Amino acid sequence: MLIKKCGVVSALILPVLLTGCERAVSFDSQVMPILQASCVSCHSGSGEGTQQTELKLTNYAQLMQGTRLGAVVVPGSAASSTLYLVIDHKVDTKIQMPPHHDDKYPQGQGEPLSSDQITTIKQWIDEGAKNN
């Protein structure tokens, strides 16, 4: 009887322990390299993305500052975060990022982010968009 109860307890606790072992997505080592490779050329300095929206993506503070219209990241909610919505193509093609469609800005055409890159950014936002 004791063995049976221990088995039930183990079955309930093991998934919790395994979930706790997952590492949080790191802004510095996982998210920022994606932004640098795919976004910073337009969203820094005098880049077209910065001129159009005032969004700069060269560091955490600038990302969290957002655009002249407000925040692009809602910590804890990728579904409410413009950053996630534009990279996952959940918005009009004219504002999907990086621009890789016929309605792109003239500065240049980029490549869409991979599903792994999108998932990384989504997970980082859903985990609270920490500066880690």
C-alpha atoms as a PDB file:
ATOM      1  CA  MET A   1       0.000   0.000   0.000  1.00  0.00           C
ATOM      2  CA  LEU A   2       2.844   2.407   0.878  1.00  0.00           C
ATOM      3  CA  ILE A   3       4.589   1.678  -2.427  1.00  0.00           C
ATOM      4  CA  LYS A   4       1.388   2.429  -4.323  1.00  0.00           C
ATOM      5  CA  LYS A   5       0.955   5.778  -2.513  1.00  0.00           C
ATOM      6  CA  CYS A   6       4.593   6.700  -3.156  1.00  0.00           C
ATOM      7  CA  GLY A   7       4.112   5.958  -6.829  1.00  0.00           C
ATOM      8  CA  VAL A   8       1.132   8.321  -6.994  1.00  0.00           C
ATOM      9  CA  VAL A   9       3.025  11.042  -5.147  1.00  0.00           C
ATOM     10  CA  SER A  10       6.033  10.584  -7.435  1.00  0.00           C
ATOM     11  CA  ALA A  11       3.811  10.821 -10.504  1.00  0.00           C
ATOM     12  CA  LEU A  12       2.430  14.121  -9.222  1.00  0.00           C
ATOM     13  CA  ILE A  13       5.714  15.662  -8.075  1.00  0.00           C
ATOM     14  CA  LEU A  14       8.014  14.581 -10.915  1.00  0.00           C
ATOM     15  CA  PRO A  15       6.452  16.855 -13.585  1.00  0.00           C
ATOM     16  CA  VAL A  16       6.679  19.828 -11.215  1.00  0.00           C
ATOM     17  CA  LEU A  17      10.349  19.113 -10.539  1.00  0.00           C
ATOM     18  CA  LEU A  18      11.138  18.683 -14.228  1.00  0.00           C
ATOM     19  CA  THR A  19       9.368  21.918 -15.151  1.00  0.00           C
ATOM     20  CA  GLY A  20      11.377  23.747 -12.499  1.00  0.00           C
ATOM     21  CA  CYS A  21      14.593  22.594 -14.184  1.00  0.00           C
ATOM     22  CA  GLU A  22      13.963  24.566 -17.384  1.00  0.00           C
ATOM     23  CA  ARG A  23      16.208  27.577 -17.689  1.00  0.00           C
ATOM     24  CA  ALA A  24      14.695  30.973 -18.282  1.00  0.00           C
ATOM     25  CA  VAL A  25      15.330  32.559 -21.649  1.00  0.00           C
ATOM     26  CA  SER A  26      18.206  35.026 -21.356  1.00  0.00           C
ATOM     27  CA  PHE A  27      17.805  38.463 -22.913  1.00  0.00           C
ATOM     28  CA  ASP A  28      21.560  38.967 -23.221  1.00  0.00           C
ATOM     29  CA  SER A  29      22.547  35.602 -24.677  1.00  0.00           C
ATOM     30  CA  GLN A  30      19.406  34.540 -26.553  1.00  0.00           C
ATOM     31  CA  VAL A  31      17.109  37.477 -27.397  1.00  0.00           C
ATOM     32  CA  MET A  32      19.617  40.262 -28.063  1.00  0.00           C
ATOM     33  CA  PRO A  33      21.563  38.240 -30.670  1.00  0.00           C
ATOM     34  CA  ILE A  34      18.306  37.750 -32.617  1.00  0.00           C
ATOM     35  CA  LEU A  35      17.582  41.477 -32.467  1.00  0.00           C
ATOM     36  CA  GLN A  36      21.146  42.326 -33.504  1.00  0.00           C
ATOM     37  CA  ALA A  37      21.054  39.975 -36.481  1.00  0.00           C
ATOM     38  CA  SER A  38      17.595  40.856 -37.763  1.00  0.00           C
ATOM     39  CA  CYS A  39      16.379  44.176 -36.360  1.00  0.00           C
ATOM     40  CA  VAL A  40      19.120  46.590 -35.275  1.00  0.00           C
ATOM     41  CA  SER A  41      20.127  47.623 -38.802  1.00  0.00           C
ATOM     42  CA  CYS A  42      16.786  49.457 -39.132  1.00  0.00           C
ATOM     43  CA  HIS A  43      16.007  50.046 -35.451  1.00  0.00           C
ATOM     44  CA  SER A  44      19.072  51.990 -34.292  1.00  0.00           C
ATOM     45  CA  GLY A  45      20.554  55.417 -34.846  1.00  0.00           C
ATOM     46  CA  SER A  46      19.050  56.935 -37.980  1.00  0.00           C
ATOM     47  CA  GLY A  47      17.685  53.648 -39.331  1.00  0.00           C
ATOM     48  CA  GLU A  48      14.374  53.735 -41.126  1.00  0.00           C
ATOM     49  CA  GLY A  49      12.582  51.732 -38.434  1.00  0.00           C
ATOM     50  CA  THR A  50      13.717  54.211 -35.800  1.00  0.00           C
ATOM     51  CA  GLN A  51      12.728  57.190 -37.968  1.00  0.00           C
ATOM     52  CA  GLN A  52       9.271  55.733 -38.634  1.00  0.00           C
ATOM     53  CA  THR A  53       8.441  54.555 -35.105  1.00  0.00           C
ATOM     54  CA  GLU A  54      11.147  55.845 -32.736  1.00  0.00           C
ATOM     55  CA  LEU A  55      11.761  52.208 -31.758  1.00  0.00           C
ATOM     56  CA  LYS A  56      15.405  51.458 -31.027  1.00  0.00           C
ATOM     57  CA  LEU A  57      16.504  47.903 -30.359  1.00  0.00           C
ATOM     58  CA  THR A  58      20.157  48.266 -29.464  1.00  0.00           C
ATOM     59  CA  ASN A  59      19.697  47.414 -25.791  1.00  0.00           C
ATOM     60  CA  TYR A  60      17.146  46.261 -23.218  1.00  0.00           C
ATOM     61  CA  ALA A  61      16.195  49.750 -21.994  1.00  0.00           C
ATOM     62  CA  GLN A  62      15.457  51.003 -25.502  1.00  0.00           C
ATOM     63  CA  LEU A  63      13.395  47.919 -26.344  1.00  0.00           C
ATOM     64  CA  MET A  64      11.350  48.335 -23.195  1.00  0.00           C
ATOM     65  CA  GLN A  65      10.859  52.061 -23.911  1.00  0.00           C
ATOM     66  CA  GLY A  66       8.980  51.103 -27.060  1.00  0.00           C
ATOM     67  CA  THR A  67       7.772  53.476 -29.753  1.00  0.00           C
ATOM     68  CA  ARG A  68       6.278  56.951 -29.689  1.00  0.00           C
ATOM     69  CA  LEU A  69       2.936  55.148 -29.375  1.00  0.00           C
ATOM     70  CA  GLY A  70       3.955  53.131 -26.337  1.00  0.00           C
ATOM     71  CA  ALA A  71       5.413  49.837 -25.196  1.00  0.00           C
ATOM     72  CA  VAL A  72       6.044  46.989 -27.648  1.00  0.00           C
ATOM     73  CA  VAL A  73       6.621  44.418 -24.904  1.00  0.00           C
ATOM     74  CA  VAL A  74       4.076  43.590 -22.202  1.00  0.00           C
ATOM     75  CA  PRO A  75       6.032  41.489 -19.704  1.00  0.00           C
ATOM     76  CA  GLY A  76       4.235  38.204 -19.105  1.00  0.00           C
ATOM     77  CA  SER A  77       2.037  38.428 -22.217  1.00  0.00           C
ATOM     78  CA  ALA A  78       3.453  37.800 -25.663  1.00  0.00           C
ATOM     79  CA  ALA A  79      -0.113  37.825 -27.015  1.00  0.00           C
ATOM     80  CA  SER A  80      -0.382  41.488 -25.904  1.00  0.00           C
ATOM     81  CA  SER A  81       3.102  42.450 -27.107  1.00  0.00           C
ATOM     82  CA  THR A  82       3.458  44.231 -30.437  1.00  0.00           C
ATOM     83  CA  LEU A  83       7.017  42.914 -30.792  1.00  0.00           C
ATOM     84  CA  TYR A  84       5.790  39.321 -30.792  1.00  0.00           C
ATOM     85  CA  LEU A  85       2.782  40.046 -32.999  1.00  0.00           C
ATOM     86  CA  VAL A  86       4.856  41.687 -35.749  1.00  0.00           C
ATOM     87  CA  ILE A  87       7.570  39.001 -35.831  1.00  0.00           C
ATOM     88  CA  ASP A  88       5.023  36.151 -35.785  1.00  0.00           C
ATOM     89  CA  HIS A  89       3.028  37.695 -38.653  1.00  0.00           C
ATOM     90  CA  LYS A  90      -0.133  38.187 -36.631  1.00  0.00           C
ATOM     91  CA  VAL A  91      -0.604  41.692 -38.041  1.00  0.00           C
ATOM     92  CA  ASP A  92      -1.090  43.357 -41.428  1.00  0.00           C
ATOM     93  CA  THR A  93       1.721  42.555 -43.876  1.00  0.00           C
ATOM     94  CA  LYS A  94       2.673  46.244 -44.019  1.00  0.00           C
ATOM     95  CA  ILE A  95       4.005  46.070 -40.467  1.00  0.00           C
ATOM     96  CA  GLN A  96       5.282  42.494 -40.226  1.00  0.00           C
ATOM     97  CA  MET A  97       8.935  42.418 -39.222  1.00  0.00           C
ATOM     98  CA  PRO A  98      11.580  42.029 -40.392  1.00  0.00           C
ATOM     99  CA  PRO A  99      10.231  43.406 -43.665  1.00  0.00           C
ATOM    100  CA  HIS A 100      10.223  40.511 -46.108  1.00  0.00           C
ATOM    101  CA  HIS A 101       7.215  41.228 -48.257  1.00  0.00           C
ATOM    102  CA  ASP A 102       6.178  43.483 -51.123  1.00  0.00           C
ATOM    103  CA  ASP A 103       4.885  46.181 -48.747  1.00  0.00           C
ATOM    104  CA  LYS A 104       8.276  46.586 -47.046  1.00  0.00           C
ATOM    105  CA  TYR A 105       9.970  49.874 -46.254  1.00  0.00           C
ATOM    106  CA  PRO A 106      12.516  50.965 -48.860  1.00  0.00           C
ATOM    107  CA  GLN A 107      15.576  50.474 -46.617  1.00  0.00           C
ATOM    108  CA  GLY A 108      15.755  46.828 -47.457  1.00  0.00           C
ATOM    109  CA  GLN A 109      14.263  43.427 -47.300  1.00  0.00           C
ATOM    110  CA  GLY A 110      15.073  41.081 -44.477  1.00  0.00           C
ATOM    111  CA  GLU A 111      14.382  37.449 -43.854  1.00  0.00           C
ATOM    112  CA  PRO A 112      11.568  36.325 -41.571  1.00  0.00           C
ATOM    113  CA  LEU A 113      12.695  35.038 -38.196  1.00  0.00           C
ATOM    114  CA  SER A 114      12.810  31.279 -37.817  1.00  0.00           C
ATOM    115  CA  SER A 115      10.146  29.563 -35.758  1.00  0.00           C
ATOM    116  CA  ASP A 116      12.813  28.857 -33.101  1.00  0.00           C
ATOM    117  CA  GLN A 117      13.726  32.556 -32.922  1.00  0.00           C
ATOM    118  CA  ILE A 118      10.064  33.550 -32.641  1.00  0.00           C
ATOM    119  CA  THR A 119       9.506  30.940 -29.937  1.00  0.00           C
ATOM    120  CA  THR A 120      12.541  32.217 -28.000  1.00  0.00           C
ATOM    121  CA  ILE A 121      11.238  35.798 -28.017  1.00  0.00           C
ATOM    122  CA  LYS A 122       7.702  34.644 -27.153  1.00  0.00           C
ATOM    123  CA  GLN A 123       8.955  32.565 -24.239  1.00  0.00           C
ATOM    124  CA  TRP A 124      11.148  35.440 -22.989  1.00  0.00           C
ATOM    125  CA  ILE A 125       8.165  37.803 -23.002  1.00  0.00           C
ATOM    126  CA  ASP A 126       5.857  35.236 -21.365  1.00  0.00           C
ATOM    127  CA  GLU A 127       8.508  34.659 -18.650  1.00  0.00           C
ATOM    128  CA  GLY A 128       8.335  38.357 -17.753  1.00  0.00           C
ATOM    129  CA  ALA A 129      10.732  39.958 -20.289  1.00  0.00           C
ATOM    130  CA  LYS A 130      13.533  40.178 -17.747  1.00  0.00           C
ATOM    131  CA  ASN A 131      16.834  41.949 -18.293  1.00  0.00           C
ATOM    132  CA  ASN A 132      18.881  38.802 -17.748  1.00  0.00           C
END
